[in-house]
Amino acid sequence: MTIRLATKVANGSKFRRARVGAVIVRGNRVLAVGCNRIGFCHWLPNRPYPESVHAEQQAILQLLKTRRQDELIGATIYVSRVGRNGRCRLARPCKICTNLIRSVGIGRVVFTTDLGVAEYES
């Protein structure tokens, strides 16, 4: 299951306040992965934590940098957050990430919750 891969990616984050991982999949192919990190993000200035780059943004940016934006259309993004106790926590994308996900054409969002997994069509 791809949410497990997103959780594995989240465990690799050095941003201890909230370890989040994202995996973009189209069909059975993993297109990109990303985890949140500390770093300056000048293209999204109005964020609660401007020093961080969200996992969803990192994964999408990988494809945009390599000019593979067409592959995002109709894809699914899986997002997982790992809490301090090592358990999955609520990882619903923030408003800015949700708008970014919609703008690049990703069709489905699957994310962890405190009780399991939830999803929505974007």
PDB file of N, CA and C in Angstrom:
ATOM      1  N   MET A   1       0.847  -1.189   0.000  1.00  0.00           N
ATOM      2  CA  MET A   1       0.000   0.000   0.000  1.00  0.00           C
ATOM      3  C   MET A   1       0.891   1.250   0.000  1.00  0.00           C
ATOM      4  N   THR A   2       0.519   2.226  -0.769  1.00  0.00           N
ATOM      5  CA  THR A   2       1.350   3.411  -0.956  1.00  0.00           C
ATOM      6  C   THR A   2       1.369   4.316   0.273  1.00  0.00           C
ATOM      7  N   ILE A   3       0.369   4.264   1.108  1.00  0.00           N
ATOM      8  CA  ILE A   3       0.386   5.088   2.318  1.00  0.00           C
ATOM      9  C   ILE A   3       1.538   4.635   3.225  1.00  0.00           C
ATOM     10  N   ARG A   4       1.898   3.357   3.144  1.00  0.00           N
ATOM     11  CA  ARG A   4       3.051   2.858   3.908  1.00  0.00           C
ATOM     12  C   ARG A   4       4.346   3.484   3.408  1.00  0.00           C
ATOM     13  N   LEU A   5       4.461   3.652   2.096  1.00  0.00           N
ATOM     14  CA  LEU A   5       5.643   4.306   1.538  1.00  0.00           C
ATOM     15  C   LEU A   5       5.702   5.761   1.999  1.00  0.00           C
ATOM     16  N   ALA A   6       4.556   6.447   2.023  1.00  0.00           N
ATOM     17  CA  ALA A   6       4.519   7.834   2.505  1.00  0.00           C
ATOM     18  C   ALA A   6       4.939   7.904   3.968  1.00  0.00           C
ATOM     19  N   THR A   7       4.553   6.921   4.765  1.00  0.00           N
ATOM     20  CA  THR A   7       4.945   6.873   6.170  1.00  0.00           C
ATOM     21  C   THR A   7       6.447   6.632   6.300  1.00  0.00           C
ATOM     22  N   LYS A   8       6.985   5.769   5.463  1.00  0.00           N
ATOM     23  CA  LYS A   8       8.427   5.509   5.478  1.00  0.00           C
ATOM     24  C   LYS A   8       9.203   6.776   5.109  1.00  0.00           C
ATOM     25  N   VAL A   9       8.706   7.505   4.106  1.00  0.00           N
ATOM     26  CA  VAL A   9       9.336   8.760   3.696  1.00  0.00           C
ATOM     27  C   VAL A   9       9.253   9.778   4.836  1.00  0.00           C
ATOM     28  N   ALA A  10       8.103   9.835   5.511  1.00  0.00           N
ATOM     29  CA  ALA A  10       7.927  10.766   6.639  1.00  0.00           C
ATOM     30  C   ALA A  10       8.938  10.497   7.740  1.00  0.00           C
ATOM     31  N   ASN A  11       9.230   9.246   7.995  1.00  0.00           N
ATOM     32  CA  ASN A  11      10.215   8.899   9.034  1.00  0.00           C
ATOM     33  C   ASN A  11      11.598   9.416   8.697  1.00  0.00           C
ATOM     34  N   GLY A  12      11.858   9.706   7.431  1.00  0.00           N
ATOM     35  CA  GLY A  12      13.148  10.241   7.025  1.00  0.00           C
ATOM     36  C   GLY A  12      13.283  11.748   7.178  1.00  0.00           C
ATOM     37  N   SER A  13      12.196  12.425   7.540  1.00  0.00           N
ATOM     38  CA  SER A  13      12.227  13.875   7.700  1.00  0.00           C
ATOM     39  C   SER A  13      13.027  14.268   8.933  1.00  0.00           C
ATOM     40  N   LYS A  14      13.829  15.303   8.796  1.00  0.00           N
ATOM     41  CA  LYS A  14      14.596  15.817   9.925  1.00  0.00           C
ATOM     42  C   LYS A  14      13.836  16.915  10.674  1.00  0.00           C
ATOM     43  N   PHE A  15      12.660  17.270  10.187  1.00  0.00           N
ATOM     44  CA  PHE A  15      11.838  18.313  10.775  1.00  0.00           C
ATOM     45  C   PHE A  15      11.000  17.684  11.890  1.00  0.00           C
ATOM     46  N   ARG A  16      11.527  17.642  13.090  1.00  0.00           N
ATOM     47  CA  ARG A  16      10.947  16.868  14.184  1.00  0.00           C
ATOM     48  C   ARG A  16       9.591  17.360  14.683  1.00  0.00           C
ATOM     49  N   ARG A  17       9.262  18.629  14.451  1.00  0.00           N
ATOM     50  CA  ARG A  17       7.969  19.134  14.925  1.00  0.00           C
ATOM     51  C   ARG A  17       6.821  18.360  14.280  1.00  0.00           C
ATOM     52  N   ALA A  18       6.958  18.043  13.008  1.00  0.00           N
ATOM     53  CA  ALA A  18       5.936  17.274  12.302  1.00  0.00           C
ATOM     54  C   ALA A  18       6.610  16.582  11.126  1.00  0.00           C
ATOM     55  N   ARG A  19       6.799  15.280  11.228  1.00  0.00           N
ATOM     56  CA  ARG A  19       7.431  14.523  10.145  1.00  0.00           C
ATOM     57  C   ARG A  19       6.340  14.097   9.170  1.00  0.00           C
ATOM     58  N   VAL A  20       6.409  14.614   7.954  1.00  0.00           N
ATOM     59  CA  VAL A  20       5.388  14.351   6.947  1.00  0.00           C
ATOM     60  C   VAL A  20       6.058  13.865   5.675  1.00  0.00           C
ATOM     61  N   GLY A  21       5.440  12.864   5.048  1.00  0.00           N
ATOM     62  CA  GLY A  21       5.925  12.344   3.783  1.00  0.00           C
ATOM     63  C   GLY A  21       4.807  12.340   2.758  1.00  0.00           C
ATOM     64  N   ALA A  22       5.161  12.528   1.492  1.00  0.00           N
ATOM     65  CA  ALA A  22       4.180  12.520   0.409  1.00  0.00           C
ATOM     66  C   ALA A  22       4.710  11.685  -0.749  1.00  0.00           C
ATOM     67  N   VAL A  23       3.811  10.948  -1.371  1.00  0.00           N
ATOM     68  CA  VAL A  23       4.142  10.126  -2.530  1.00  0.00           C
ATOM     69  C   VAL A  23       3.102  10.398  -3.605  1.00  0.00           C
ATOM     70  N   ILE A  24       3.567  10.710  -4.816  1.00  0.00           N
ATOM     71  CA  ILE A  24       2.658  10.932  -5.941  1.00  0.00           C
ATOM     72  C   ILE A  24       2.721   9.700  -6.834  1.00  0.00           C
ATOM     73  N   VAL A  25       1.536   9.154  -7.134  1.00  0.00           N
ATOM     74  CA  VAL A  25       1.426   7.920  -7.900  1.00  0.00           C
ATOM     75  C   VAL A  25       0.438   8.126  -9.042  1.00  0.00           C
ATOM     76  N   ARG A  26       0.767   7.545 -10.180  1.00  0.00           N
ATOM     77  CA  ARG A  26      -0.170   7.519 -11.306  1.00  0.00           C
ATOM     78  C   ARG A  26      -0.158   6.101 -11.843  1.00  0.00           C
ATOM     79  N   GLY A  27      -1.324   5.463 -11.827  1.00  0.00           N
ATOM     80  CA  GLY A  27      -1.376   4.045 -12.163  1.00  0.00           C
ATOM     81  C   GLY A  27      -0.664   3.269 -11.072  1.00  0.00           C
ATOM     82  N   ASN A  28       0.265   2.425 -11.446  1.00  0.00           N
ATOM     83  CA  ASN A  28       1.060   1.675 -10.466  1.00  0.00           C
ATOM     84  C   ASN A  28       2.476   2.209 -10.349  1.00  0.00           C
ATOM     85  N   ARG A  29       2.703   3.412 -10.875  1.00  0.00           N
ATOM     86  CA  ARG A  29       4.056   3.973 -10.921  1.00  0.00           C
ATOM     87  C   ARG A  29       4.220   5.129  -9.939  1.00  0.00           C
ATOM     88  N   VAL A  30       5.238   5.071  -9.115  1.00  0.00           N
ATOM     89  CA  VAL A  30       5.568   6.172  -8.208  1.00  0.00           C
ATOM     90  C   VAL A  30       6.284   7.240  -9.032  1.00  0.00           C
ATOM     91  N   LEU A  31       5.726   8.453  -9.054  1.00  0.00           N
ATOM     92  CA  LEU A  31       6.300   9.544  -9.830  1.00  0.00           C
ATOM     93  C   LEU A  31       7.297  10.362  -9.024  1.00  0.00           C
ATOM     94  N   ALA A  32       6.972  10.604  -7.747  1.00  0.00           N
ATOM     95  CA  ALA A  32       7.830  11.447  -6.915  1.00  0.00           C
ATOM     96  C   ALA A  32       7.518  11.210  -5.444  1.00  0.00           C
ATOM     97  N   VAL A  33       8.511  11.464  -4.617  1.00  0.00           N
ATOM     98  CA  VAL A  33       8.335  11.418  -3.164  1.00  0.00           C
ATOM     99  C   VAL A  33       8.927  12.687  -2.580  1.00  0.00           C
ATOM    100  N   GLY A  34       8.430  13.059  -1.419  1.00  0.00           N
ATOM    101  CA  GLY A  34       8.967  14.234  -0.746  1.00  0.00           C
ATOM    102  C   GLY A  34       8.650  14.187   0.731  1.00  0.00           C
ATOM    103  N   CYS A  35       9.510  14.793   1.523  1.00  0.00           N
ATOM    104  CA  CYS A  35       9.230  14.928   2.947  1.00  0.00           C
ATOM    105  C   CYS A  35       9.424  16.398   3.317  1.00  0.00           C
ATOM    106  N   ASN A  36       8.754  16.806   4.375  1.00  0.00           N
ATOM    107  CA  ASN A  36       8.892  18.203   4.772  1.00  0.00           C
ATOM    108  C   ASN A  36      10.304  18.457   5.262  1.00  0.00           C
ATOM    109  N   ARG A  37      10.749  19.672   5.066  1.00  0.00           N
ATOM    110  CA  ARG A  37      12.113  20.017   5.445  1.00  0.00           C
ATOM    111  C   ARG A  37      12.165  21.484   5.820  1.00  0.00           C
ATOM    112  N   ILE A  38      13.201  21.828   6.506  1.00  0.00           N
ATOM    113  CA  ILE A  38      13.430  23.213   6.862  1.00  0.00           C
ATOM    114  C   ILE A  38      14.191  23.857   5.715  1.00  0.00           C
ATOM    115  N   GLY A  39      13.697  24.979   5.265  1.00  0.00           N
ATOM    116  CA  GLY A  39      14.341  25.673   4.159  1.00  0.00           C
ATOM    117  C   GLY A  39      13.501  26.849   3.726  1.00  0.00           C
ATOM    118  N   PHE A  40      14.099  27.790   3.061  1.00  0.00           N
ATOM    119  CA  PHE A  40      13.383  28.990   2.623  1.00  0.00           C
ATOM    120  C   PHE A  40      12.542  28.665   1.403  1.00  0.00           C
ATOM    121  N   CYS A  41      11.286  29.067   1.431  1.00  0.00           N
ATOM    122  CA  CYS A  41      10.356  28.813   0.334  1.00  0.00           C
ATOM    123  C   CYS A  41       9.813  30.157  -0.136  1.00  0.00           C
ATOM    124  N   HIS A  42      10.456  30.777  -1.120  1.00  0.00           N
ATOM    125  CA  HIS A  42      10.077  32.120  -1.546  1.00  0.00           C
ATOM    126  C   HIS A  42       8.832  32.153  -2.420  1.00  0.00           C
ATOM    127  N   TRP A  43       8.434  31.044  -3.003  1.00  0.00           N
ATOM    128  CA  TRP A  43       7.290  31.070  -3.910  1.00  0.00           C
ATOM    129  C   TRP A  43       5.959  30.875  -3.209  1.00  0.00           C
ATOM    130  N   LEU A  44       5.950  30.601  -1.906  1.00  0.00           N
ATOM    131  CA  LEU A  44       4.728  30.547  -1.112  1.00  0.00           C
ATOM    132  C   LEU A  44       4.958  31.345   0.181  1.00  0.00           C
ATOM    133  N   PRO A  45       4.878  32.683   0.093  1.00  0.00           N
ATOM    134  CA  PRO A  45       5.303  33.517   1.222  1.00  0.00           C
ATOM    135  C   PRO A  45       4.358  33.569   2.420  1.00  0.00           C
ATOM    136  N   ASN A  46       3.071  33.360   2.275  1.00  0.00           N
ATOM    137  CA  ASN A  46       2.122  33.565   3.370  1.00  0.00           C
ATOM    138  C   ASN A  46       1.745  32.245   4.034  1.00  0.00           C
ATOM    139  N   ARG A  47       2.703  31.639   4.733  1.00  0.00           N
ATOM    140  CA  ARG A  47       2.474  30.359   5.381  1.00  0.00           C
ATOM    141  C   ARG A  47       2.735  30.474   6.865  1.00  0.00           C
ATOM    142  N   PRO A  48       2.071  29.630   7.676  1.00  0.00           N
ATOM    143  CA  PRO A  48       2.279  29.697   9.118  1.00  0.00           C
ATOM    144  C   PRO A  48       3.733  29.462   9.528  1.00  0.00           C
ATOM    145  N   TYR A  49       4.434  28.568   8.835  1.00  0.00           N
ATOM    146  CA  TYR A  49       5.830  28.285   9.123  1.00  0.00           C
ATOM    147  C   TYR A  49       6.636  28.509   7.850  1.00  0.00           C
ATOM    148  N   PRO A  50       6.987  29.763   7.550  1.00  0.00           N
ATOM    149  CA  PRO A  50       7.651  30.049   6.272  1.00  0.00           C
ATOM    150  C   PRO A  50       9.023  29.409   6.137  1.00  0.00           C
ATOM    151  N   GLU A  51       9.593  28.902   7.223  1.00  0.00           N
ATOM    152  CA  GLU A  51      10.908  28.287   7.135  1.00  0.00           C
ATOM    153  C   GLU A  51      10.843  26.839   6.658  1.00  0.00           C
ATOM    154  N   SER A  52       9.654  26.297   6.478  1.00  0.00           N
ATOM    155  CA  SER A  52       9.526  24.904   6.081  1.00  0.00           C
ATOM    156  C   SER A  52       8.970  24.767   4.667  1.00  0.00           C
ATOM    157  N   VAL A  53       9.339  23.651   4.042  1.00  0.00           N
ATOM    158  CA  VAL A  53       8.768  23.275   2.754  1.00  0.00           C
ATOM    159  C   VAL A  53       7.958  22.014   3.029  1.00  0.00           C
ATOM    160  N   HIS A  54       6.679  22.054   2.695  1.00  0.00           N
ATOM    161  CA  HIS A  54       5.811  20.923   2.981  1.00  0.00           C
ATOM    162  C   HIS A  54       6.124  19.751   2.063  1.00  0.00           C
ATOM    163  N   ALA A  55       5.818  18.544   2.529  1.00  0.00           N
ATOM    164  CA  ALA A  55       6.107  17.327   1.775  1.00  0.00           C
ATOM    165  C   ALA A  55       5.395  17.320   0.430  1.00  0.00           C
ATOM    166  N   GLU A  56       4.142  17.772   0.414  1.00  0.00           N
ATOM    167  CA  GLU A  56       3.380  17.807  -0.836  1.00  0.00           C
ATOM    168  C   GLU A  56       4.056  18.725  -1.850  1.00  0.00           C
ATOM    169  N   GLN A  57       4.523  19.873  -1.381  1.00  0.00           N
ATOM    170  CA  GLN A  57       5.203  20.832  -2.254  1.00  0.00           C
ATOM    171  C   GLN A  57       6.503  20.242  -2.786  1.00  0.00           C
ATOM    172  N   GLN A  58       7.237  19.566  -1.933  1.00  0.00           N
ATOM    173  CA  GLN A  58       8.513  18.974  -2.319  1.00  0.00           C
ATOM    174  C   GLN A  58       8.317  17.938  -3.416  1.00  0.00           C
ATOM    175  N   ALA A  59       7.314  17.077  -3.271  1.00  0.00           N
ATOM    176  CA  ALA A  59       7.059  16.031  -4.269  1.00  0.00           C
ATOM    177  C   ALA A  59       6.615  16.648  -5.598  1.00  0.00           C
ATOM    178  N   ILE A  60       5.721  17.615  -5.542  1.00  0.00           N
ATOM    179  CA  ILE A  60       5.246  18.273  -6.769  1.00  0.00           C
ATOM    180  C   ILE A  60       6.394  19.016  -7.437  1.00  0.00           C
ATOM    181  N   LEU A  61       7.209  19.677  -6.646  1.00  0.00           N
ATOM    182  CA  LEU A  61       8.333  20.447  -7.182  1.00  0.00           C
ATOM    183  C   LEU A  61       9.326  19.561  -7.944  1.00  0.00           C
ATOM    184  N   GLN A  62       9.513  18.329  -7.480  1.00  0.00           N
ATOM    185  CA  GLN A  62      10.401  17.401  -8.188  1.00  0.00           C
ATOM    186  C   GLN A  62       9.961  17.217  -9.636  1.00  0.00           C
ATOM    187  N   LEU A  63       8.659  17.067  -9.833  1.00  0.00           N
ATOM    188  CA  LEU A  63       8.142  16.856 -11.193  1.00  0.00           C
ATOM    189  C   LEU A  63       8.147  18.142 -12.005  1.00  0.00           C
ATOM    190  N   LEU A  64       7.866  19.261 -11.355  1.00  0.00           N
ATOM    191  CA  LEU A  64       7.869  20.531 -12.084  1.00  0.00           C
ATOM    192  C   LEU A  64       9.280  20.908 -12.537  1.00  0.00           C
ATOM    193  N   LYS A  65      10.275  20.640 -11.700  1.00  0.00           N
ATOM    194  CA  LYS A  65      11.662  20.962 -12.056  1.00  0.00           C
ATOM    195  C   LYS A  65      12.151  20.162 -13.258  1.00  0.00           C
ATOM    196  N   THR A  66      11.644  18.956 -13.411  1.00  0.00           N
ATOM    197  CA  THR A  66      12.058  18.106 -14.531  1.00  0.00           C
ATOM    198  C   THR A  66      11.072  18.182 -15.699  1.00  0.00           C
ATOM    199  N   ARG A  67      10.193  19.181 -15.649  1.00  0.00           N
ATOM    200  CA  ARG A  67       9.209  19.427 -16.724  1.00  0.00           C
ATOM    201  C   ARG A  67       8.308  18.223 -16.999  1.00  0.00           C
ATOM    202  N   ARG A  68       7.911  17.560 -15.936  1.00  0.00           N
ATOM    203  CA  ARG A  68       7.017  16.406 -16.050  1.00  0.00           C
ATOM    204  C   ARG A  68       5.635  16.722 -15.475  1.00  0.00           C
ATOM    205  N   GLN A  69       5.207  17.988 -15.594  1.00  0.00           N
ATOM    206  CA  GLN A  69       3.942  18.404 -15.005  1.00  0.00           C
ATOM    207  C   GLN A  69       2.737  17.688 -15.602  1.00  0.00           C
ATOM    208  N   ASP A  70       2.835  17.218 -16.845  1.00  0.00           N
ATOM    209  CA  ASP A  70       1.715  16.500 -17.463  1.00  0.00           C
ATOM    210  C   ASP A  70       1.405  15.199 -16.727  1.00  0.00           C
ATOM    211  N   GLU A  71       2.403  14.609 -16.107  1.00  0.00           N
ATOM    212  CA  GLU A  71       2.209  13.362 -15.381  1.00  0.00           C
ATOM    213  C   GLU A  71       1.384  13.555 -14.104  1.00  0.00           C
ATOM    214  N   LEU A  72       1.272  14.785 -13.618  1.00  0.00           N
ATOM    215  CA  LEU A  72       0.503  15.061 -12.400  1.00  0.00           C
ATOM    216  C   LEU A  72      -1.004  14.981 -12.633  1.00  0.00           C
ATOM    217  N   ILE A  73      -1.434  15.212 -13.863  1.00  0.00           N
ATOM    218  CA  ILE A  73      -2.872  15.256 -14.168  1.00  0.00           C
ATOM    219  C   ILE A  73      -3.484  13.877 -13.938  1.00  0.00           C
ATOM    220  N   GLY A  74      -4.450  13.833 -13.027  1.00  0.00           N
ATOM    221  CA  GLY A  74      -5.136  12.587 -12.698  1.00  0.00           C
ATOM    222  C   GLY A  74      -4.389  11.681 -11.738  1.00  0.00           C
ATOM    223  N   ALA A  75      -3.254  12.123 -11.223  1.00  0.00           N
ATOM    224  CA  ALA A  75      -2.464  11.310 -10.286  1.00  0.00           C
ATOM    225  C   ALA A  75      -3.110  11.320  -8.897  1.00  0.00           C
ATOM    226  N   THR A  76      -2.576  10.494  -8.027  1.00  0.00           N
ATOM    227  CA  THR A  76      -3.001  10.430  -6.627  1.00  0.00           C
ATOM    228  C   THR A  76      -1.806  10.790  -5.761  1.00  0.00           C
ATOM    229  N   ILE A  77      -2.057  11.596  -4.720  1.00  0.00           N
ATOM    230  CA  ILE A  77      -0.999  11.916  -3.760  1.00  0.00           C
ATOM    231  C   ILE A  77      -1.367  11.284  -2.419  1.00  0.00           C
ATOM    232  N   TYR A  78      -0.408  10.592  -1.831  1.00  0.00           N
ATOM    233  CA  TYR A  78      -0.558   9.971  -0.520  1.00  0.00           C
ATOM    234  C   TYR A  78       0.280  10.771   0.462  1.00  0.00           C
ATOM    235  N   VAL A  79      -0.327  11.152   1.590  1.00  0.00           N
ATOM    236  CA  VAL A  79       0.361  11.981   2.579  1.00  0.00           C
ATOM    237  C   VAL A  79       0.236  11.322   3.947  1.00  0.00           C
ATOM    238  N   SER A  80       1.355  11.216   4.652  1.00  0.00           N
ATOM    239  CA  SER A  80       1.369  10.599   5.975  1.00  0.00           C
ATOM    240  C   SER A  80       2.164  11.468   6.941  1.00  0.00           C
ATOM    241  N   ARG A  81       1.684  11.551   8.164  1.00  0.00           N
ATOM    242  CA  ARG A  81       2.384  12.291   9.221  1.00  0.00           C
ATOM    243  C   ARG A  81       2.677  11.328  10.358  1.00  0.00           C
ATOM    244  N   VAL A  82       3.895  11.369  10.863  1.00  0.00           N
ATOM    245  CA  VAL A  82       4.299  10.507  11.962  1.00  0.00           C
ATOM    246  C   VAL A  82       4.464  11.370  13.208  1.00  0.00           C
ATOM    247  N   GLY A  83       3.776  10.990  14.268  1.00  0.00           N
ATOM    248  CA  GLY A  83       3.856  11.730  15.520  1.00  0.00           C
ATOM    249  C   GLY A  83       5.097  11.366  16.311  1.00  0.00           C
ATOM    250  N   ARG A  84       5.296  12.044  17.419  1.00  0.00           N
ATOM    251  CA  ARG A  84       6.467  11.799  18.268  1.00  0.00           C
ATOM    252  C   ARG A  84       6.497  10.380  18.817  1.00  0.00           C
ATOM    253  N   ASN A  85       5.313   9.779  18.962  1.00  0.00           N
ATOM    254  CA  ASN A  85       5.249   8.417  19.480  1.00  0.00           C
ATOM    255  C   ASN A  85       5.424   7.367  18.379  1.00  0.00           C
ATOM    256  N   GLY A  86       5.638   7.812  17.137  1.00  0.00           N
ATOM    257  CA  GLY A  86       5.851   6.889  16.029  1.00  0.00           C
ATOM    258  C   GLY A  86       4.593   6.441  15.332  1.00  0.00           C
ATOM    259  N   ARG A  87       3.446   6.891  15.804  1.00  0.00           N
ATOM    260  CA  ARG A  87       2.167   6.513  15.180  1.00  0.00           C
ATOM    261  C   ARG A  87       1.745   7.546  14.145  1.00  0.00           C
ATOM    262  N   CYS A  88       0.934   7.095  13.186  1.00  0.00           N
ATOM    263  CA  CYS A  88       0.425   8.008  12.162  1.00  0.00           C
ATOM    264  C   CYS A  88      -0.565   8.983  12.780  1.00  0.00           C
ATOM    265  N   ARG A  89      -0.488  10.223  12.329  1.00  0.00           N
ATOM    266  CA  ARG A  89      -1.354  11.294  12.807  1.00  0.00           C
ATOM    267  C   ARG A  89      -2.060  11.935  11.627  1.00  0.00           C
ATOM    268  N   LEU A  90      -2.931  12.893  11.899  1.00  0.00           N
ATOM    269  CA  LEU A  90      -3.675  13.588  10.858  1.00  0.00           C
ATOM    270  C   LEU A  90      -2.711  14.310   9.918  1.00  0.00           C
ATOM    271  N   ALA A  91      -2.831  14.025   8.632  1.00  0.00           N
ATOM    272  CA  ALA A  91      -1.930  14.600   7.633  1.00  0.00           C
ATOM    273  C   ALA A  91      -2.697  15.265   6.494  1.00  0.00           C
ATOM    274  N   ARG A  92      -3.916  15.723   6.771  1.00  0.00           N
ATOM    275  CA  ARG A  92      -4.691  16.388   5.718  1.00  0.00           C
ATOM    276  C   ARG A  92      -3.914  17.615   5.234  1.00  0.00           C
ATOM    277  N   PRO A  93      -3.726  17.758   3.911  1.00  0.00           N
ATOM    278  CA  PRO A  93      -2.960  18.899   3.400  1.00  0.00           C
ATOM    279  C   PRO A  93      -3.568  20.235   3.820  1.00  0.00           C
ATOM    280  N   CYS A  94      -2.694  21.204   4.087  1.00  0.00           N
ATOM    281  CA  CYS A  94      -3.148  22.539   4.469  1.00  0.00           C
ATOM    282  C   CYS A  94      -3.825  23.208   3.267  1.00  0.00           C
ATOM    283  N   LYS A  95      -4.406  24.360   3.502  1.00  0.00           N
ATOM    284  CA  LYS A  95      -5.146  25.072   2.454  1.00  0.00           C
ATOM    285  C   LYS A  95      -4.242  25.416   1.260  1.00  0.00           C
ATOM    286  N   ILE A  96      -3.045  25.868   1.531  1.00  0.00           N
ATOM    287  CA  ILE A  96      -2.129  26.247   0.446  1.00  0.00           C
ATOM    288  C   ILE A  96      -1.727  25.016  -0.356  1.00  0.00           C
ATOM    289  N   CYS A  97      -1.414  23.911   0.327  1.00  0.00           N
ATOM    290  CA  CYS A  97      -1.054  22.684  -0.388  1.00  0.00           C
ATOM    291  C   CYS A  97      -2.253  22.140  -1.172  1.00  0.00           C
ATOM    292  N   THR A  98      -3.443  22.234  -0.595  1.00  0.00           N
ATOM    293  CA  THR A  98      -4.648  21.788  -1.300  1.00  0.00           C
ATOM    294  C   THR A  98      -4.833  22.575  -2.586  1.00  0.00           C
ATOM    295  N   ASN A  99      -4.649  23.880  -2.533  1.00  0.00           N
ATOM    296  CA  ASN A  99      -4.755  24.698  -3.746  1.00  0.00           C
ATOM    297  C   ASN A  99      -3.687  24.329  -4.762  1.00  0.00           C
ATOM    298  N   LEU A 100      -2.465  24.066  -4.305  1.00  0.00           N
ATOM    299  CA  LEU A 100      -1.387  23.649  -5.203  1.00  0.00           C
ATOM    300  C   LEU A 100      -1.719  22.306  -5.848  1.00  0.00           C
ATOM    301  N   ILE A 101      -2.208  21.362  -5.056  1.00  0.00           N
ATOM    302  CA  ILE A 101      -2.577  20.040  -5.557  1.00  0.00           C
ATOM    303  C   ILE A 101      -3.634  20.170  -6.657  1.00  0.00           C
ATOM    304  N   ARG A 102      -4.633  20.985  -6.420  1.00  0.00           N
ATOM    305  CA  ARG A 102      -5.683  21.200  -7.434  1.00  0.00           C
ATOM    306  C   ARG A 102      -5.126  21.864  -8.679  1.00  0.00           C
ATOM    307  N   SER A 103      -4.264  22.857  -8.488  1.00  0.00           N
ATOM    308  CA  SER A 103      -3.773  23.638  -9.631  1.00  0.00           C
ATOM    309  C   SER A 103      -2.903  22.815 -10.576  1.00  0.00           C
ATOM    310  N   VAL A 104      -2.223  21.784 -10.071  1.00  0.00           N
ATOM    311  CA  VAL A 104      -1.393  20.954 -10.949  1.00  0.00           C
ATOM    312  C   VAL A 104      -2.159  19.767 -11.519  1.00  0.00           C
ATOM    313  N   GLY A 105      -3.403  19.566 -11.089  1.00  0.00           N
ATOM    314  CA  GLY A 105      -4.249  18.539 -11.687  1.00  0.00           C
ATOM    315  C   GLY A 105      -4.285  17.198 -10.989  1.00  0.00           C
ATOM    316  N   ILE A 106      -3.703  17.102  -9.787  1.00  0.00           N
ATOM    317  CA  ILE A 106      -3.790  15.844  -9.039  1.00  0.00           C
ATOM    318  C   ILE A 106      -5.253  15.607  -8.690  1.00  0.00           C
ATOM    319  N   GLY A 107      -5.744  14.407  -8.966  1.00  0.00           N
ATOM    320  CA  GLY A 107      -7.171  14.132  -8.842  1.00  0.00           C
ATOM    321  C   GLY A 107      -7.633  13.584  -7.509  1.00  0.00           C
ATOM    322  N   ARG A 108      -6.747  12.946  -6.758  1.00  0.00           N
ATOM    323  CA  ARG A 108      -7.167  12.290  -5.521  1.00  0.00           C
ATOM    324  C   ARG A 108      -6.100  12.476  -4.452  1.00  0.00           C
ATOM    325  N   VAL A 109      -6.570  12.705  -3.225  1.00  0.00           N
ATOM    326  CA  VAL A 109      -5.682  12.891  -2.079  1.00  0.00           C
ATOM    327  C   VAL A 109      -6.036  11.840  -1.027  1.00  0.00           C
ATOM    328  N   VAL A 110      -5.053  11.062  -0.614  1.00  0.00           N
ATOM    329  CA  VAL A 110      -5.227  10.062   0.441  1.00  0.00           C
ATOM    330  C   VAL A 110      -4.277  10.452   1.563  1.00  0.00           C
ATOM    331  N   PHE A 111      -4.780  10.510   2.795  1.00  0.00           N
ATOM    332  CA  PHE A 111      -3.950  10.958   3.917  1.00  0.00           C
ATOM    333  C   PHE A 111      -4.268  10.182   5.179  1.00  0.00           C
ATOM    334  N   THR A 112      -3.290  10.133   6.070  1.00  0.00           N
ATOM    335  CA  THR A 112      -3.491   9.444   7.342  1.00  0.00           C
ATOM    336  C   THR A 112      -4.289  10.333   8.294  1.00  0.00           C
ATOM    337  N   THR A 113      -4.987   9.679   9.206  1.00  0.00           N
ATOM    338  CA  THR A 113      -5.682  10.360  10.301  1.00  0.00           C
ATOM    339  C   THR A 113      -5.235   9.673  11.597  1.00  0.00           C
ATOM    340  N   ASP A 114      -5.711  10.181  12.710  1.00  0.00           N
ATOM    341  CA  ASP A 114      -5.384   9.546  13.987  1.00  0.00           C
ATOM    342  C   ASP A 114      -5.991   8.146  14.093  1.00  0.00           C
ATOM    343  N   LEU A 115      -7.035   7.889  13.283  1.00  0.00           N
ATOM    344  CA  LEU A 115      -7.747   6.611  13.368  1.00  0.00           C
ATOM    345  C   LEU A 115      -7.583   5.721  12.147  1.00  0.00           C
ATOM    346  N   GLY A 116      -6.837   6.165  11.150  1.00  0.00           N
ATOM    347  CA  GLY A 116      -6.687   5.334   9.944  1.00  0.00           C
ATOM    348  C   GLY A 116      -6.316   6.177   8.735  1.00  0.00           C
ATOM    349  N   VAL A 117      -7.096   6.002   7.667  1.00  0.00           N
ATOM    350  CA  VAL A 117      -6.824   6.698   6.407  1.00  0.00           C
ATOM    351  C   VAL A 117      -8.107   7.309   5.885  1.00  0.00           C
ATOM    352  N   ALA A 118      -8.002   8.498   5.284  1.00  0.00           N
ATOM    353  CA  ALA A 118      -9.146   9.160   4.662  1.00  0.00           C
ATOM    354  C   ALA A 118      -8.711   9.647   3.281  1.00  0.00           C
ATOM    355  N   GLU A 119      -9.682  10.006   2.458  1.00  0.00           N
ATOM    356  CA  GLU A 119      -9.351  10.501   1.133  1.00  0.00           C
ATOM    357  C   GLU A 119     -10.428  11.433   0.627  1.00  0.00           C
ATOM    358  N   TYR A 120     -10.067  12.219  -0.398  1.00  0.00           N
ATOM    359  CA  TYR A 120     -11.034  13.058  -1.080  1.00  0.00           C
ATOM    360  C   TYR A 120     -10.574  13.307  -2.509  1.00  0.00           C
ATOM    361  N   GLU A 121     -11.525  13.642  -3.350  1.00  0.00           N
ATOM    362  CA  GLU A 121     -11.217  14.017  -4.737  1.00  0.00           C
ATOM    363  C   GLU A 121     -10.901  15.500  -4.737  1.00  0.00           C
ATOM    364  N   SER A 122      -9.833  15.880  -5.428  1.00  0.00           N
ATOM    365  CA  SER A 122      -9.461  17.294  -5.426  1.00  0.00           C
ATOM    366  C   SER A 122     -10.064  18.023  -6.610  1.00  0.00           C
TER     367      SER A 122
END
